[in-house]
Amino acid sequence: MVSVIGSLVAFVVALLIGGLAIFVSARLIVDVEDYSHAIVTAFLGAIAWALTSWVPLLGPILALIAWVWVINWRYPGGWGTAAAIGFIAWLAALVILLVLNAVLGLGVGAFGVPGA
């Protein structure tokens, strides 16, 4: 039971970090102020990534397109804006994780932001 609770806490923390990265990016690019919207986007983006990344040879490219599609669907501005939000979110997640893992030693990831 303890490991299930620990896994659930780790998942929630990773989702909140992924949501924060998307929130920071969307705030910079399209001036959106809804953190809960970013958390849902991170969750849906992770599902889109999981559903497409397993495809042989093309999986990583399809998964990236699916993740950017989710951002495009959830935020205004089109594909270019969505790609910019995704890139800035990835950078923001790396910085957030660097600080959290270096300062607090958490060892967590960012759920919903690929490669972070």
C-alpha atoms as a PDB file:
ATOM      1  CA  MET A   1       0.000   0.000   0.000  1.00  0.00           C
ATOM      2  CA  VAL A   2       2.854   2.387   0.797  1.00  0.00           C
ATOM      3  CA  SER A   3       4.378   1.888  -2.663  1.00  0.00           C
ATOM      4  CA  VAL A   4       1.027   2.625  -4.314  1.00  0.00           C
ATOM      5  CA  ILE A   5       0.709   5.873  -2.363  1.00  0.00           C
ATOM      6  CA  GLY A   6       4.333   6.761  -3.162  1.00  0.00           C
ATOM      7  CA  SER A   7       3.727   6.110  -6.849  1.00  0.00           C
ATOM      8  CA  LEU A   8       0.572   8.211  -6.796  1.00  0.00           C
ATOM      9  CA  VAL A   9       2.393  11.092  -5.075  1.00  0.00           C
ATOM     10  CA  ALA A  10       5.242  10.862  -7.606  1.00  0.00           C
ATOM     11  CA  PHE A  11       2.730  10.903 -10.472  1.00  0.00           C
ATOM     12  CA  VAL A  12       0.901  13.951  -9.072  1.00  0.00           C
ATOM     13  CA  VAL A  13       4.163  15.842  -8.473  1.00  0.00           C
ATOM     14  CA  ALA A  14       5.401  15.019 -11.998  1.00  0.00           C
ATOM     15  CA  LEU A  15       2.034  16.095 -13.472  1.00  0.00           C
ATOM     16  CA  LEU A  16       2.129  19.369 -11.540  1.00  0.00           C
ATOM     17  CA  ILE A  17       5.666  20.020 -12.811  1.00  0.00           C
ATOM     18  CA  GLY A  18       4.669  19.241 -16.412  1.00  0.00           C
ATOM     19  CA  GLY A  19       1.615  21.464 -16.020  1.00  0.00           C
ATOM     20  CA  LEU A  20       3.769  24.251 -14.580  1.00  0.00           C
ATOM     21  CA  ALA A  21       6.135  24.071 -17.548  1.00  0.00           C
ATOM     22  CA  ILE A  22       3.236  24.284 -20.010  1.00  0.00           C
ATOM     23  CA  PHE A  23       1.641  27.075 -17.949  1.00  0.00           C
ATOM     24  CA  VAL A  24       4.853  29.150 -17.956  1.00  0.00           C
ATOM     25  CA  SER A  25       5.226  28.654 -21.701  1.00  0.00           C
ATOM     26  CA  ALA A  26       1.591  29.405 -22.548  1.00  0.00           C
ATOM     27  CA  ARG A  27       1.706  32.459 -20.292  1.00  0.00           C
ATOM     28  CA  LEU A  28       4.729  33.791 -22.190  1.00  0.00           C
ATOM     29  CA  ILE A  29       3.460  32.989 -25.678  1.00  0.00           C
ATOM     30  CA  VAL A  30      -0.337  33.473 -25.600  1.00  0.00           C
ATOM     31  CA  ASP A  31      -0.848  35.195 -22.212  1.00  0.00           C
ATOM     32  CA  VAL A  32      -3.109  32.512 -20.731  1.00  0.00           C
ATOM     33  CA  GLU A  33      -3.518  32.537 -16.949  1.00  0.00           C
ATOM     34  CA  ASP A  34      -5.109  29.154 -16.154  1.00  0.00           C
ATOM     35  CA  TYR A  35      -2.774  26.667 -14.457  1.00  0.00           C
ATOM     36  CA  SER A  36      -5.464  23.964 -14.274  1.00  0.00           C
ATOM     37  CA  HIS A  37      -5.845  24.205 -18.072  1.00  0.00           C
ATOM     38  CA  ALA A  38      -2.111  23.544 -18.389  1.00  0.00           C
ATOM     39  CA  ILE A  39      -2.317  20.524 -16.066  1.00  0.00           C
ATOM     40  CA  VAL A  40      -5.101  19.001 -18.181  1.00  0.00           C
ATOM     41  CA  THR A  41      -3.050  19.769 -21.306  1.00  0.00           C
ATOM     42  CA  ALA A  42      -0.040  17.988 -19.814  1.00  0.00           C
ATOM     43  CA  PHE A  43      -2.184  14.963 -18.966  1.00  0.00           C
ATOM     44  CA  LEU A  44      -3.806  14.799 -22.417  1.00  0.00           C
ATOM     45  CA  GLY A  45      -0.435  15.366 -24.097  1.00  0.00           C
ATOM     46  CA  ALA A  46       1.036  12.445 -22.171  1.00  0.00           C
ATOM     47  CA  ILE A  47      -1.845  10.229 -23.278  1.00  0.00           C
ATOM     48  CA  ALA A  48      -1.381  11.306 -26.912  1.00  0.00           C
ATOM     49  CA  TRP A  49       2.344  10.584 -26.604  1.00  0.00           C
ATOM     50  CA  ALA A  50       1.704   7.129 -25.113  1.00  0.00           C
ATOM     51  CA  LEU A  51      -0.821   6.206 -27.804  1.00  0.00           C
ATOM     52  CA  THR A  52       1.527   7.041 -30.675  1.00  0.00           C
ATOM     53  CA  SER A  53       5.116   6.545 -29.492  1.00  0.00           C
ATOM     54  CA  TRP A  54       5.014   2.750 -29.797  1.00  0.00           C
ATOM     55  CA  VAL A  55       4.693   2.813 -33.620  1.00  0.00           C
ATOM     56  CA  PRO A  56       7.856   1.299 -35.142  1.00  0.00           C
ATOM     57  CA  LEU A  57      10.240   3.740 -36.865  1.00  0.00           C
ATOM     58  CA  LEU A  58       7.827   6.682 -36.947  1.00  0.00           C
ATOM     59  CA  GLY A  59       6.707   6.531 -33.311  1.00  0.00           C
ATOM     60  CA  PRO A  60       8.793   9.386 -31.889  1.00  0.00           C
ATOM     61  CA  ILE A  61       7.861  11.731 -34.754  1.00  0.00           C
ATOM     62  CA  LEU A  62       4.174  10.801 -34.573  1.00  0.00           C
ATOM     63  CA  ALA A  63       4.250  11.194 -30.803  1.00  0.00           C
ATOM     64  CA  LEU A  64       5.771  14.673 -31.060  1.00  0.00           C
ATOM     65  CA  ILE A  65       3.181  15.700 -33.658  1.00  0.00           C
ATOM     66  CA  ALA A  66       0.395  14.294 -31.439  1.00  0.00           C
ATOM     67  CA  TRP A  67       1.736  16.187 -28.408  1.00  0.00           C
ATOM     68  CA  VAL A  68       1.940  19.469 -30.346  1.00  0.00           C
ATOM     69  CA  TRP A  69      -1.554  18.753 -31.738  1.00  0.00           C
ATOM     70  CA  VAL A  70      -2.893  18.569 -28.165  1.00  0.00           C
ATOM     71  CA  ILE A  71      -1.285  21.931 -27.381  1.00  0.00           C
ATOM     72  CA  ASN A  72      -2.695  23.351 -30.639  1.00  0.00           C
ATOM     73  CA  TRP A  73      -6.153  22.052 -29.718  1.00  0.00           C
ATOM     74  CA  ARG A  74      -6.001  23.460 -26.162  1.00  0.00           C
ATOM     75  CA  TYR A  75      -4.451  26.890 -26.870  1.00  0.00           C
ATOM     76  CA  PRO A  76      -5.112  29.620 -29.457  1.00  0.00           C
ATOM     77  CA  GLY A  77      -2.737  30.501 -32.251  1.00  0.00           C
ATOM     78  CA  GLY A  78      -2.211  27.604 -34.629  1.00  0.00           C
ATOM     79  CA  TRP A  79       0.546  25.046 -35.177  1.00  0.00           C
ATOM     80  CA  GLY A  80       3.466  27.475 -35.022  1.00  0.00           C
ATOM     81  CA  THR A  81       2.286  28.850 -31.707  1.00  0.00           C
ATOM     82  CA  ALA A  82       1.699  25.323 -30.399  1.00  0.00           C
ATOM     83  CA  ALA A  83       5.209  24.277 -31.416  1.00  0.00           C
ATOM     84  CA  ALA A  84       6.632  27.360 -29.685  1.00  0.00           C
ATOM     85  CA  ILE A  85       4.629  26.603 -26.537  1.00  0.00           C
ATOM     86  CA  GLY A  86       5.902  23.024 -26.643  1.00  0.00           C
ATOM     87  CA  PHE A  87       9.527  24.044 -27.066  1.00  0.00           C
ATOM     88  CA  ILE A  88       9.415  26.661 -24.312  1.00  0.00           C
ATOM     89  CA  ALA A  89       7.566  24.169 -22.068  1.00  0.00           C
ATOM     90  CA  TRP A  90      10.334  21.650 -22.637  1.00  0.00           C
ATOM     91  CA  LEU A  91      12.986  24.235 -21.705  1.00  0.00           C
ATOM     92  CA  ALA A  92      10.965  25.355 -18.676  1.00  0.00           C
ATOM     93  CA  ALA A  93      10.577  21.745 -17.522  1.00  0.00           C
ATOM     94  CA  LEU A  94      14.324  21.195 -17.763  1.00  0.00           C
ATOM     95  CA  VAL A  95      15.008  24.295 -15.661  1.00  0.00           C
ATOM     96  CA  ILE A  96      12.324  23.420 -13.095  1.00  0.00           C
ATOM     97  CA  LEU A  97      13.619  19.856 -12.800  1.00  0.00           C
ATOM     98  CA  LEU A  98      17.225  21.014 -12.546  1.00  0.00           C
ATOM     99  CA  VAL A  99      16.342  23.299  -9.646  1.00  0.00           C
ATOM    100  CA  LEU A 100      14.050  20.836  -7.866  1.00  0.00           C
ATOM    101  CA  ASN A 101      16.352  17.868  -8.260  1.00  0.00           C
ATOM    102  CA  ALA A 102      19.541  19.778  -7.425  1.00  0.00           C
ATOM    103  CA  VAL A 103      18.197  21.794  -4.507  1.00  0.00           C
ATOM    104  CA  LEU A 104      15.673  19.382  -3.015  1.00  0.00           C
ATOM    105  CA  GLY A 105      17.037  16.107  -4.373  1.00  0.00           C
ATOM    106  CA  LEU A 106      13.572  14.927  -5.415  1.00  0.00           C
ATOM    107  CA  GLY A 107      14.562  12.893  -8.470  1.00  0.00           C
ATOM    108  CA  VAL A 108      11.246  13.488 -10.257  1.00  0.00           C
ATOM    109  CA  GLY A 109      10.347  14.013 -13.888  1.00  0.00           C
ATOM    110  CA  ALA A 110       7.798  16.172 -15.688  1.00  0.00           C
ATOM    111  CA  PHE A 111       4.748  14.182 -16.771  1.00  0.00           C
ATOM    112  CA  GLY A 112       3.231  15.568 -19.939  1.00  0.00           C
ATOM    113  CA  VAL A 113       6.404  17.182 -21.304  1.00  0.00           C
ATOM    114  CA  PRO A 114       8.358  14.763 -23.501  1.00  0.00           C
ATOM    115  CA  GLY A 115      12.053  14.360 -22.834  1.00  0.00           C
ATOM    116  CA  ALA A 116      11.989  16.191 -19.523  1.00  0.00           C
END
